Amino acid sequence: MSTPTLPPPIRTTITLLLAWGVVIFGCHISEVKDVSRNTWVFLILSGLSTGLSWLFYFKAIQLGDVSRVVSIDKLSVVITILLAFLFLHEQPSLKVVIGAVLIAAGSIFMIL
């Protein structure tokens, strides 16, 4: 496997080209000026955190068992549900709660 620093830029470049292609061919390029400062800050921070998470992800795959690394990664779904509940005041349905519990239980089972 290559170094953990190589795959994220390749993936990001492909994503970047695809995303700008949608903007350009969808005739939305003029809307770029309407993006607010807060949105730009969020997008920049999101991009940085995504890039770092992929670097750590590929490094973890190099160092550990893939099944354990992926199990830990899938816990992000549970964390997202919790953050939506805490900060966005979303009310999760019973189905979402059961799903989150099953994801957490399955991840913990795979890790152990």
PDB file of N, CA and C in Angstrom:
ATOM      1  N   MET A   1       0.850  -1.185   0.000  1.00  0.00           N
ATOM      2  CA  MET A   1       0.000   0.000   0.000  1.00  0.00           C
ATOM      3  C   MET A   1       0.888   1.237   0.000  1.00  0.00           C
ATOM      4  N   SER A   2       0.435   2.290  -0.640  1.00  0.00           N
ATOM      5  CA  SER A   2       1.194   3.530  -0.701  1.00  0.00           C
ATOM      6  C   SER A   2       1.168   4.227   0.654  1.00  0.00           C
ATOM      7  N   THR A   3       1.921   5.292   0.741  1.00  0.00           N
ATOM      8  CA  THR A   3       1.915   6.061   1.980  1.00  0.00           C
ATOM      9  C   THR A   3       0.523   6.619   2.220  1.00  0.00           C
ATOM     10  N   PRO A   4       0.165   6.876   3.472  1.00  0.00           N
ATOM     11  CA  PRO A   4      -1.183   7.378   3.751  1.00  0.00           C
ATOM     12  C   PRO A   4      -1.390   8.807   3.259  1.00  0.00           C
ATOM     13  N   THR A   5      -0.333   9.476   2.820  1.00  0.00           N
ATOM     14  CA  THR A   5      -0.497  10.847   2.344  1.00  0.00           C
ATOM     15  C   THR A   5      -0.875  10.939   0.871  1.00  0.00           C
ATOM     16  N   LEU A   6      -0.753   9.848   0.121  1.00  0.00           N
ATOM     17  CA  LEU A   6      -1.037   9.898  -1.316  1.00  0.00           C
ATOM     18  C   LEU A   6      -2.517   9.734  -1.686  1.00  0.00           C
ATOM     19  N   PRO A   7      -3.250   8.772  -1.141  1.00  0.00           N
ATOM     20  CA  PRO A   7      -4.652   8.597  -1.569  1.00  0.00           C
ATOM     21  C   PRO A   7      -5.568   9.805  -1.336  1.00  0.00           C
ATOM     22  N   PRO A   8      -5.500  10.503  -0.192  1.00  0.00           N
ATOM     23  CA  PRO A   8      -6.431  11.628  -0.006  1.00  0.00           C
ATOM     24  C   PRO A   8      -6.343  12.715  -1.083  1.00  0.00           C
ATOM     25  N   PRO A   9      -5.144  13.143  -1.505  1.00  0.00           N
ATOM     26  CA  PRO A   9      -5.127  14.157  -2.564  1.00  0.00           C
ATOM     27  C   PRO A   9      -5.684  13.651  -3.894  1.00  0.00           C
ATOM     28  N   ILE A  10      -5.451  12.384  -4.199  1.00  0.00           N
ATOM     29  CA  ILE A  10      -6.006  11.825  -5.436  1.00  0.00           C
ATOM     30  C   ILE A  10      -7.527  11.835  -5.369  1.00  0.00           C
ATOM     31  N   ARG A  11      -8.063  11.349  -4.264  1.00  0.00           N
ATOM     32  CA  ARG A  11      -9.516  11.318  -4.061  1.00  0.00           C
ATOM     33  C   ARG A  11     -10.088  12.733  -4.099  1.00  0.00           C
ATOM     34  N   THR A  12      -9.436  13.662  -3.439  1.00  0.00           N
ATOM     35  CA  THR A  12      -9.910  15.041  -3.377  1.00  0.00           C
ATOM     36  C   THR A  12      -9.894  15.702  -4.750  1.00  0.00           C
ATOM     37  N   THR A  13      -8.862  15.440  -5.529  1.00  0.00           N
ATOM     38  CA  THR A  13      -8.776  16.009  -6.876  1.00  0.00           C
ATOM     39  C   THR A  13      -9.924  15.521  -7.758  1.00  0.00           C
ATOM     40  N   ILE A  14     -10.212  14.248  -7.680  1.00  0.00           N
ATOM     41  CA  ILE A  14     -11.322  13.690  -8.464  1.00  0.00           C
ATOM     42  C   ILE A  14     -12.649  14.301  -8.012  1.00  0.00           C
ATOM     43  N   THR A  15     -12.843  14.397  -6.710  1.00  0.00           N
ATOM     44  CA  THR A  15     -14.063  14.992  -6.161  1.00  0.00           C
ATOM     45  C   THR A  15     -14.179  16.455  -6.567  1.00  0.00           C
ATOM     46  N   LEU A  16     -13.066  17.183  -6.497  1.00  0.00           N
ATOM     47  CA  LEU A  16     -13.047  18.591  -6.862  1.00  0.00           C
ATOM     48  C   LEU A  16     -13.429  18.795  -8.332  1.00  0.00           C
ATOM     49  N   LEU A  17     -12.840  17.997  -9.211  1.00  0.00           N
ATOM     50  CA  LEU A  17     -13.158  18.106 -10.638  1.00  0.00           C
ATOM     51  C   LEU A  17     -14.630  17.792 -10.901  1.00  0.00           C
ATOM     52  N   LEU A  18     -15.132  16.758 -10.274  1.00  0.00           N
ATOM     53  CA  LEU A  18     -16.535  16.384 -10.455  1.00  0.00           C
ATOM     54  C   LEU A  18     -17.467  17.483  -9.935  1.00  0.00           C
ATOM     55  N   ALA A  19     -17.182  17.997  -8.744  1.00  0.00           N
ATOM     56  CA  ALA A  19     -18.044  19.021  -8.142  1.00  0.00           C
ATOM     57  C   ALA A  19     -18.052  20.300  -8.978  1.00  0.00           C
ATOM     58  N   TRP A  20     -16.879  20.764  -9.413  1.00  0.00           N
ATOM     59  CA  TRP A  20     -16.829  21.967 -10.250  1.00  0.00           C
ATOM     60  C   TRP A  20     -17.460  21.711 -11.608  1.00  0.00           C
ATOM     61  N   GLY A  21     -17.355  20.492 -12.110  1.00  0.00           N
ATOM     62  CA  GLY A  21     -18.028  20.152 -13.361  1.00  0.00           C
ATOM     63  C   GLY A  21     -19.528  20.320 -13.246  1.00  0.00           C
ATOM     64  N   VAL A  22     -20.088  19.874 -12.128  1.00  0.00           N
ATOM     65  CA  VAL A  22     -21.534  20.029 -11.894  1.00  0.00           C
ATOM     66  C   VAL A  22     -21.893  21.509 -11.832  1.00  0.00           C
ATOM     67  N   VAL A  23     -21.067  22.311 -11.140  1.00  0.00           N
ATOM     68  CA  VAL A  23     -21.337  23.750 -11.025  1.00  0.00           C
ATOM     69  C   VAL A  23     -21.267  24.422 -12.395  1.00  0.00           C
ATOM     70  N   ILE A  24     -20.218  24.128 -13.151  1.00  0.00           N
ATOM     71  CA  ILE A  24     -20.013  24.782 -14.448  1.00  0.00           C
ATOM     72  C   ILE A  24     -21.058  24.339 -15.465  1.00  0.00           C
ATOM     73  N   PHE A  25     -21.238  23.028 -15.614  1.00  0.00           N
ATOM     74  CA  PHE A  25     -22.186  22.535 -16.619  1.00  0.00           C
ATOM     75  C   PHE A  25     -23.639  22.730 -16.201  1.00  0.00           C
ATOM     76  N   GLY A  26     -23.866  22.956 -14.916  1.00  0.00           N
ATOM     77  CA  GLY A  26     -25.218  23.265 -14.443  1.00  0.00           C
ATOM     78  C   GLY A  26     -25.500  24.760 -14.458  1.00  0.00           C
ATOM     79  N   CYS A  27     -24.540  25.532 -14.967  1.00  0.00           N
ATOM     80  CA  CYS A  27     -24.689  26.991 -15.089  1.00  0.00           C
ATOM     81  C   CYS A  27     -24.920  27.669 -13.731  1.00  0.00           C
ATOM     82  N   HIS A  28     -24.173  27.231 -12.711  1.00  0.00           N
ATOM     83  CA  HIS A  28     -24.309  27.811 -11.374  1.00  0.00           C
ATOM     84  C   HIS A  28     -23.083  28.620 -10.958  1.00  0.00           C
ATOM     85  N   ILE A  29     -22.145  28.845 -11.874  1.00  0.00           N
ATOM     86  CA  ILE A  29     -20.900  29.526 -11.532  1.00  0.00           C
ATOM     87  C   ILE A  29     -21.156  30.942 -11.012  1.00  0.00           C
ATOM     88  N   SER A  30     -22.200  31.602 -11.483  1.00  0.00           N
ATOM     89  CA  SER A  30     -22.499  32.969 -11.032  1.00  0.00           C
ATOM     90  C   SER A  30     -22.972  33.006  -9.580  1.00  0.00           C
ATOM     91  N   GLU A  31     -23.392  31.866  -9.040  1.00  0.00           N
ATOM     92  CA  GLU A  31     -23.891  31.811  -7.664  1.00  0.00           C
ATOM     93  C   GLU A  31     -22.768  31.761  -6.629  1.00  0.00           C
ATOM     94  N   VAL A  32     -21.529  31.582  -7.074  1.00  0.00           N
ATOM     95  CA  VAL A  32     -20.404  31.489  -6.138  1.00  0.00           C
ATOM     96  C   VAL A  32     -20.288  32.764  -5.318  1.00  0.00           C
ATOM     97  N   LYS A  33     -20.543  33.896  -5.930  1.00  0.00           N
ATOM     98  CA  LYS A  33     -20.425  35.179  -5.229  1.00  0.00           C
ATOM     99  C   LYS A  33     -21.477  35.333  -4.128  1.00  0.00           C
ATOM    100  N   ASP A  34     -22.531  34.529  -4.170  1.00  0.00           N
ATOM    101  CA  ASP A  34     -23.598  34.622  -3.172  1.00  0.00           C
ATOM    102  C   ASP A  34     -23.334  33.785  -1.920  1.00  0.00           C
ATOM    103  N   VAL A  35     -22.249  33.038  -1.914  1.00  0.00           N
ATOM    104  CA  VAL A  35     -21.929  32.206  -0.748  1.00  0.00           C
ATOM    105  C   VAL A  35     -21.479  33.114   0.391  1.00  0.00           C
ATOM    106  N   SER A  36     -22.110  32.975   1.547  1.00  0.00           N
ATOM    107  CA  SER A  36     -21.808  33.855   2.689  1.00  0.00           C
ATOM    108  C   SER A  36     -20.458  33.548   3.305  1.00  0.00           C
ATOM    109  N   ARG A  37     -19.953  34.505   4.070  1.00  0.00           N
ATOM    110  CA  ARG A  37     -18.667  34.338   4.765  1.00  0.00           C
ATOM    111  C   ARG A  37     -18.722  33.155   5.729  1.00  0.00           C
ATOM    112  N   ASN A  38     -19.827  33.022   6.468  1.00  0.00           N
ATOM    113  CA  ASN A  38     -19.962  31.902   7.411  1.00  0.00           C
ATOM    114  C   ASN A  38     -19.918  30.563   6.685  1.00  0.00           C
ATOM    115  N   THR A  39     -20.547  30.497   5.524  1.00  0.00           N
ATOM    116  CA  THR A  39     -20.539  29.265   4.745  1.00  0.00           C
ATOM    117  C   THR A  39     -19.131  28.950   4.269  1.00  0.00           C
ATOM    118  N   TRP A  40     -18.386  29.978   3.815  1.00  0.00           N
ATOM    119  CA  TRP A  40     -17.001  29.759   3.392  1.00  0.00           C
ATOM    120  C   TRP A  40     -16.158  29.216   4.541  1.00  0.00           C
ATOM    121  N   VAL A  41     -16.324  29.806   5.733  1.00  0.00           N
ATOM    122  CA  VAL A  41     -15.562  29.345   6.907  1.00  0.00           C
ATOM    123  C   VAL A  41     -15.904  27.885   7.197  1.00  0.00           C
ATOM    124  N   PHE A  42     -17.200  27.565   7.189  1.00  0.00           N
ATOM    125  CA  PHE A  42     -17.623  26.192   7.437  1.00  0.00           C
ATOM    126  C   PHE A  42     -17.055  25.240   6.391  1.00  0.00           C
ATOM    127  N   LEU A  43     -17.115  25.642   5.119  1.00  0.00           N
ATOM    128  CA  LEU A  43     -16.602  24.787   4.048  1.00  0.00           C
ATOM    129  C   LEU A  43     -15.099  24.566   4.164  1.00  0.00           C
ATOM    130  N   ILE A  44     -14.366  25.601   4.512  1.00  0.00           N
ATOM    131  CA  ILE A  44     -12.914  25.469   4.678  1.00  0.00           C
ATOM    132  C   ILE A  44     -12.587  24.552   5.848  1.00  0.00           C
ATOM    133  N   LEU A  45     -13.254  24.775   6.981  1.00  0.00           N
ATOM    134  CA  LEU A  45     -13.016  23.910   8.145  1.00  0.00           C
ATOM    135  C   LEU A  45     -13.434  22.472   7.861  1.00  0.00           C
ATOM    136  N   SER A  46     -14.530  22.307   7.160  1.00  0.00           N
ATOM    137  CA  SER A  46     -14.996  20.972   6.794  1.00  0.00           C
ATOM    138  C   SER A  46     -13.994  20.278   5.880  1.00  0.00           C
ATOM    139  N   GLY A  47     -13.470  21.016   4.912  1.00  0.00           N
ATOM    140  CA  GLY A  47     -12.467  20.453   4.011  1.00  0.00           C
ATOM    141  C   GLY A  47     -11.202  20.043   4.743  1.00  0.00           C
ATOM    142  N   LEU A  48     -10.758  20.893   5.665  1.00  0.00           N
ATOM    143  CA  LEU A  48      -9.562  20.556   6.450  1.00  0.00           C
ATOM    144  C   LEU A  48      -9.787  19.321   7.312  1.00  0.00           C
ATOM    145  N   SER A  49     -10.933  19.260   7.971  1.00  0.00           N
ATOM    146  CA  SER A  49     -11.196  18.104   8.836  1.00  0.00           C
ATOM    147  C   SER A  49     -11.366  16.825   8.020  1.00  0.00           C
ATOM    148  N   THR A  50     -11.977  16.940   6.845  1.00  0.00           N
ATOM    149  CA  THR A  50     -12.127  15.767   5.983  1.00  0.00           C
ATOM    150  C   THR A  50     -10.764  15.271   5.512  1.00  0.00           C
ATOM    151  N   GLY A  51      -9.919  16.195   5.092  1.00  0.00           N
ATOM    152  CA  GLY A  51      -8.576  15.816   4.655  1.00  0.00           C
ATOM    153  C   GLY A  51      -7.783  15.137   5.753  1.00  0.00           C
ATOM    154  N   LEU A  52      -7.831  15.704   6.953  1.00  0.00           N
ATOM    155  CA  LEU A  52      -7.124  15.089   8.081  1.00  0.00           C
ATOM    156  C   LEU A  52      -7.706  13.720   8.426  1.00  0.00           C
ATOM    157  N   SER A  53      -9.033  13.606   8.379  1.00  0.00           N
ATOM    158  CA  SER A  53      -9.633  12.321   8.735  1.00  0.00           C
ATOM    159  C   SER A  53      -9.208  11.238   7.745  1.00  0.00           C
ATOM    160  N   TRP A  54      -9.095  11.581   6.460  1.00  0.00           N
ATOM    161  CA  TRP A  54      -8.654  10.596   5.472  1.00  0.00           C
ATOM    162  C   TRP A  54      -7.194  10.222   5.661  1.00  0.00           C
ATOM    163  N   LEU A  55      -6.355  11.190   6.043  1.00  0.00           N
ATOM    164  CA  LEU A  55      -4.953  10.867   6.336  1.00  0.00           C
ATOM    165  C   LEU A  55      -4.872   9.877   7.494  1.00  0.00           C
ATOM    166  N   PHE A  56      -5.620  10.155   8.555  1.00  0.00           N
ATOM    167  CA  PHE A  56      -5.625   9.259   9.712  1.00  0.00           C
ATOM    168  C   PHE A  56      -6.226   7.900   9.368  1.00  0.00           C
ATOM    169  N   TYR A  57      -7.267   7.902   8.540  1.00  0.00           N
ATOM    170  CA  TYR A  57      -7.937   6.660   8.134  1.00  0.00           C
ATOM    171  C   TYR A  57      -6.963   5.746   7.393  1.00  0.00           C
ATOM    172  N   PHE A  58      -6.268   6.290   6.390  1.00  0.00           N
ATOM    173  CA  PHE A  58      -5.331   5.469   5.623  1.00  0.00           C
ATOM    174  C   PHE A  58      -4.157   5.019   6.478  1.00  0.00           C
ATOM    175  N   LYS A  59      -3.705   5.869   7.385  1.00  0.00           N
ATOM    176  CA  LYS A  59      -2.618   5.466   8.291  1.00  0.00           C
ATOM    177  C   LYS A  59      -3.098   4.350   9.217  1.00  0.00           C
ATOM    178  N   ALA A  60      -4.312   4.459   9.717  1.00  0.00           N
ATOM    179  CA  ALA A  60      -4.865   3.427  10.598  1.00  0.00           C
ATOM    180  C   ALA A  60      -4.997   2.100   9.868  1.00  0.00           C
ATOM    181  N   ILE A  61      -5.408   2.140   8.594  1.00  0.00           N
ATOM    182  CA  ILE A  61      -5.514   0.910   7.813  1.00  0.00           C
ATOM    183  C   ILE A  61      -4.144   0.267   7.636  1.00  0.00           C
ATOM    184  N   GLN A  62      -3.116   1.099   7.487  1.00  0.00           N
ATOM    185  CA  GLN A  62      -1.762   0.552   7.359  1.00  0.00           C
ATOM    186  C   GLN A  62      -1.305  -0.115   8.650  1.00  0.00           C
ATOM    187  N   LEU A  63      -1.689   0.465   9.780  1.00  0.00           N
ATOM    188  CA  LEU A  63      -1.190  -0.012  11.071  1.00  0.00           C
ATOM    189  C   LEU A  63      -2.053  -1.096  11.713  1.00  0.00           C
ATOM    190  N   GLY A  64      -3.338  -1.103  11.420  1.00  0.00           N
ATOM    191  CA  GLY A  64      -4.236  -2.015  12.124  1.00  0.00           C
ATOM    192  C   GLY A  64      -5.034  -2.897  11.199  1.00  0.00           C
ATOM    193  N   ASP A  65      -5.914  -3.675  11.816  1.00  0.00           N
ATOM    194  CA  ASP A  65      -6.816  -4.536  11.065  1.00  0.00           C
ATOM    195  C   ASP A  65      -7.891  -3.679  10.398  1.00  0.00           C
ATOM    196  N   VAL A  66      -8.112  -3.899   9.119  1.00  0.00           N
ATOM    197  CA  VAL A  66      -9.093  -3.120   8.368  1.00  0.00           C
ATOM    198  C   VAL A  66     -10.478  -3.236   9.006  1.00  0.00           C
ATOM    199  N   SER A  67     -10.853  -4.435   9.429  1.00  0.00           N
ATOM    200  CA  SER A  67     -12.191  -4.620  10.013  1.00  0.00           C
ATOM    201  C   SER A  67     -12.384  -3.767  11.261  1.00  0.00           C
ATOM    202  N   ARG A  68     -11.355  -3.616  12.050  1.00  0.00           N
ATOM    203  CA  ARG A  68     -11.458  -2.771  13.249  1.00  0.00           C
ATOM    204  C   ARG A  68     -11.469  -1.290  12.891  1.00  0.00           C
ATOM    205  N   VAL A  69     -10.630  -0.905  11.955  1.00  0.00           N
ATOM    206  CA  VAL A  69     -10.577   0.501  11.549  1.00  0.00           C
ATOM    207  C   VAL A  69     -11.917   0.940  10.980  1.00  0.00           C
ATOM    208  N   VAL A  70     -12.486   0.130  10.098  1.00  0.00           N
ATOM    209  CA  VAL A  70     -13.769   0.472   9.484  1.00  0.00           C
ATOM    210  C   VAL A  70     -14.871   0.495  10.538  1.00  0.00           C
ATOM    211  N   SER A  71     -14.811  -0.397  11.499  1.00  0.00           N
ATOM    212  CA  SER A  71     -15.818  -0.410  12.569  1.00  0.00           C
ATOM    213  C   SER A  71     -15.777   0.883  13.373  1.00  0.00           C
ATOM    214  N   ILE A  72     -14.589   1.342  13.679  1.00  0.00           N
ATOM    215  CA  ILE A  72     -14.452   2.605  14.409  1.00  0.00           C
ATOM    216  C   ILE A  72     -14.954   3.758  13.543  1.00  0.00           C
ATOM    217  N   ASP A  73     -14.630   3.718  12.249  1.00  0.00           N
ATOM    218  CA  ASP A  73     -15.073   4.764  11.327  1.00  0.00           C
ATOM    219  C   ASP A  73     -16.592   4.839  11.274  1.00  0.00           C
ATOM    220  N   LYS A  74     -17.266   3.711  11.309  1.00  0.00           N
ATOM    221  CA  LYS A  74     -18.729   3.694  11.219  1.00  0.00           C
ATOM    222  C   LYS A  74     -19.392   4.269  12.463  1.00  0.00           C
ATOM    223  N   LEU A  75     -18.658   4.368  13.547  1.00  0.00           N
ATOM    224  CA  LEU A  75     -19.211   5.015  14.742  1.00  0.00           C
ATOM    225  C   LEU A  75     -19.484   6.498  14.497  1.00  0.00           C
ATOM    226  N   SER A  76     -18.924   7.049  13.415  1.00  0.00           N
ATOM    227  CA  SER A  76     -19.188   8.455  13.089  1.00  0.00           C
ATOM    228  C   SER A  76     -20.673   8.679  12.812  1.00  0.00           C
ATOM    229  N   VAL A  77     -21.371   7.666  12.329  1.00  0.00           N
ATOM    230  CA  VAL A  77     -22.816   7.780  12.106  1.00  0.00           C
ATOM    231  C   VAL A  77     -23.522   8.000  13.443  1.00  0.00           C
ATOM    232  N   VAL A  78     -23.136   7.245  14.445  1.00  0.00           N
ATOM    233  CA  VAL A  78     -23.737   7.372  15.769  1.00  0.00           C
ATOM    234  C   VAL A  78     -23.400   8.742  16.367  1.00  0.00           C
ATOM    235  N   ILE A  79     -22.166   9.171  16.215  1.00  0.00           N
ATOM    236  CA  ILE A  79     -21.750  10.477  16.734  1.00  0.00           C
ATOM    237  C   ILE A  79     -22.535  11.587  16.038  1.00  0.00           C
ATOM    238  N   THR A  80     -22.747  11.466  14.739  1.00  0.00           N
ATOM    239  CA  THR A  80     -23.516  12.470  13.998  1.00  0.00           C
ATOM    240  C   THR A  80     -24.952  12.541  14.505  1.00  0.00           C
ATOM    241  N   ILE A  81     -25.547  11.405  14.763  1.00  0.00           N
ATOM    242  CA  ILE A  81     -26.914  11.379  15.300  1.00  0.00           C
ATOM    243  C   ILE A  81     -26.955  12.058  16.664  1.00  0.00           C
ATOM    244  N   LEU A  82     -25.978  11.765  17.518  1.00  0.00           N
ATOM    245  CA  LEU A  82     -25.915  12.394  18.835  1.00  0.00           C
ATOM    246  C   LEU A  82     -25.722  13.904  18.734  1.00  0.00           C
ATOM    247  N   LEU A  83     -24.834  14.341  17.852  1.00  0.00           N
ATOM    248  CA  LEU A  83     -24.602  15.777  17.681  1.00  0.00           C
ATOM    249  C   LEU A  83     -25.844  16.479  17.137  1.00  0.00           C
ATOM    250  N   ALA A  84     -26.560  15.829  16.222  1.00  0.00           N
ATOM    251  CA  ALA A  84     -27.798  16.407  15.691  1.00  0.00           C
ATOM    252  C   ALA A  84     -28.827  16.562  16.804  1.00  0.00           C
ATOM    253  N   PHE A  85     -28.873  15.602  17.700  1.00  0.00           N
ATOM    254  CA  PHE A  85     -29.791  15.666  18.831  1.00  0.00           C
ATOM    255  C   PHE A  85     -29.390  16.793  19.794  1.00  0.00           C
ATOM    256  N   LEU A  86     -28.088  16.864  20.113  1.00  0.00           N
ATOM    257  CA  LEU A  86     -27.615  17.839  21.097  1.00  0.00           C
ATOM    258  C   LEU A  86     -27.602  19.275  20.583  1.00  0.00           C
ATOM    259  N   PHE A  87     -27.105  19.478  19.378  1.00  0.00           N
ATOM    260  CA  PHE A  87     -26.902  20.838  18.899  1.00  0.00           C
ATOM    261  C   PHE A  87     -27.973  21.347  17.945  1.00  0.00           C
ATOM    262  N   LEU A  88     -28.571  20.454  17.179  1.00  0.00           N
ATOM    263  CA  LEU A  88     -29.601  20.871  16.229  1.00  0.00           C
ATOM    264  C   LEU A  88     -31.006  20.609  16.759  1.00  0.00           C
ATOM    265  N   HIS A  89     -31.068  19.981  17.937  1.00  0.00           N
ATOM    266  CA  HIS A  89     -32.334  19.684  18.611  1.00  0.00           C
ATOM    267  C   HIS A  89     -33.270  18.844  17.747  1.00  0.00           C
ATOM    268  N   GLU A  90     -32.679  17.969  16.939  1.00  0.00           N
ATOM    269  CA  GLU A  90     -33.490  17.032  16.161  1.00  0.00           C
ATOM    270  C   GLU A  90     -34.024  15.962  17.100  1.00  0.00           C
ATOM    271  N   GLN A  91     -35.225  15.531  16.842  1.00  0.00           N
ATOM    272  CA  GLN A  91     -35.826  14.467  17.630  1.00  0.00           C
ATOM    273  C   GLN A  91     -35.747  13.168  16.834  1.00  0.00           C
ATOM    274  N   PRO A  92     -34.819  12.291  17.211  1.00  0.00           N
ATOM    275  CA  PRO A  92     -34.678  11.045  16.444  1.00  0.00           C
ATOM    276  C   PRO A  92     -35.877  10.129  16.672  1.00  0.00           C
ATOM    277  N   SER A  93     -36.277   9.463  15.610  1.00  0.00           N
ATOM    278  CA  SER A  93     -37.378   8.512  15.712  1.00  0.00           C
ATOM    279  C   SER A  93     -36.877   7.236  16.393  1.00  0.00           C
ATOM    280  N   LEU A  94     -37.805   6.393  16.767  1.00  0.00           N
ATOM    281  CA  LEU A  94     -37.442   5.113  17.382  1.00  0.00           C
ATOM    282  C   LEU A  94     -36.572   4.297  16.431  1.00  0.00           C
ATOM    283  N   LYS A  95     -36.878   4.360  15.147  1.00  0.00           N
ATOM    284  CA  LYS A  95     -36.109   3.630  14.139  1.00  0.00           C
ATOM    285  C   LYS A  95     -34.654   4.124  14.106  1.00  0.00           C
ATOM    286  N   VAL A  96     -34.448   5.454  14.210  1.00  0.00           N
ATOM    287  CA  VAL A  96     -33.093   6.019  14.210  1.00  0.00           C
ATOM    288  C   VAL A  96     -32.335   5.600  15.469  1.00  0.00           C
ATOM    289  N   VAL A  97     -33.004   5.637  16.601  1.00  0.00           N
ATOM    290  CA  VAL A  97     -32.362   5.236  17.864  1.00  0.00           C
ATOM    291  C   VAL A  97     -31.958   3.764  17.814  1.00  0.00           C
ATOM    292  N   ILE A  98     -32.870   2.921  17.365  1.00  0.00           N
ATOM    293  CA  ILE A  98     -32.559   1.486  17.256  1.00  0.00           C
ATOM    294  C   ILE A  98     -31.410   1.265  16.279  1.00  0.00           C
ATOM    295  N   GLY A  99     -31.436   1.945  15.153  1.00  0.00           N
ATOM    296  CA  GLY A  99     -30.360   1.829  14.180  1.00  0.00           C
ATOM    297  C   GLY A  99     -29.023   2.259  14.753  1.00  0.00           C
ATOM    298  N   ALA A 100     -29.006   3.383  15.475  1.00  0.00           N
ATOM    299  CA  ALA A 100     -27.771   3.880  16.085  1.00  0.00           C
ATOM    300  C   ALA A 100     -27.234   2.895  17.125  1.00  0.00           C
ATOM    301  N   VAL A 101     -28.133   2.339  17.922  1.00  0.00           N
ATOM    302  CA  VAL A 101     -27.721   1.354  18.934  1.00  0.00           C
ATOM    303  C   VAL A 101     -27.143   0.114  18.249  1.00  0.00           C
ATOM    304  N   LEU A 102     -27.780  -0.332  17.188  1.00  0.00           N
ATOM    305  CA  LEU A 102     -27.272  -1.510  16.468  1.00  0.00           C
ATOM    306  C   LEU A 102     -25.910  -1.234  15.820  1.00  0.00           C
ATOM    307  N   ILE A 103     -25.742  -0.033  15.245  1.00  0.00           N
ATOM    308  CA  ILE A 103     -24.447   0.329  14.661  1.00  0.00           C
ATOM    309  C   ILE A 103     -23.373   0.354  15.742  1.00  0.00           C
ATOM    310  N   ALA A 104     -23.681   0.980  16.872  1.00  0.00           N
ATOM    311  CA  ALA A 104     -22.711   1.063  17.969  1.00  0.00           C
ATOM    312  C   ALA A 104     -22.382  -0.337  18.487  1.00  0.00           C
ATOM    313  N   ALA A 105     -23.412  -1.154  18.706  1.00  0.00           N
ATOM    314  CA  ALA A 105     -23.180  -2.508  19.212  1.00  0.00           C
ATOM    315  C   ALA A 105     -22.356  -3.320  18.222  1.00  0.00           C
ATOM    316  N   GLY A 106     -22.693  -3.239  16.944  1.00  0.00           N
ATOM    317  CA  GLY A 106     -21.948  -3.977  15.929  1.00  0.00           C
ATOM    318  C   GLY A 106     -20.497  -3.517  15.838  1.00  0.00           C
ATOM    319  N   SER A 107     -20.289  -2.224  15.923  1.00  0.00           N
ATOM    320  CA  SER A 107     -18.925  -1.684  15.873  1.00  0.00           C
ATOM    321  C   SER A 107     -18.103  -2.166  17.079  1.00  0.00           C
ATOM    322  N   ILE A 108     -18.708  -2.076  18.250  1.00  0.00           N
ATOM    323  CA  ILE A 108     -18.001  -2.520  19.465  1.00  0.00           C
ATOM    324  C   ILE A 108     -17.712  -4.019  19.380  1.00  0.00           C
ATOM    325  N   PHE A 109     -18.686  -4.784  18.898  1.00  0.00           N
ATOM    326  CA  PHE A 109     -18.487  -6.235  18.726  1.00  0.00           C
ATOM    327  C   PHE A 109     -17.325  -6.524  17.794  1.00  0.00           C
ATOM    328  N   MET A 110     -17.234  -5.788  16.680  1.00  0.00           N
ATOM    329  CA  MET A 110     -16.152  -5.985  15.702  1.00  0.00           C
ATOM    330  C   MET A 110     -14.795  -5.582  16.282  1.00  0.00           C
ATOM    331  N   ILE A 111     -14.785  -4.527  17.093  1.00  0.00           N
ATOM    332  CA  ILE A 111     -13.528  -4.040  17.667  1.00  0.00           C
ATOM    333  C   ILE A 111     -12.982  -5.038  18.670  1.00  0.00           C
ATOM    334  N   LEU A 112     -13.882  -5.618  19.468  1.00  0.00           N
ATOM    335  CA  LEU A 112     -13.450  -6.567  20.513  1.00  0.00           C
ATOM    336  C   LEU A 112     -13.178  -7.898  19.852  1.00  0.00           C
TER     337      LEU A 112
END
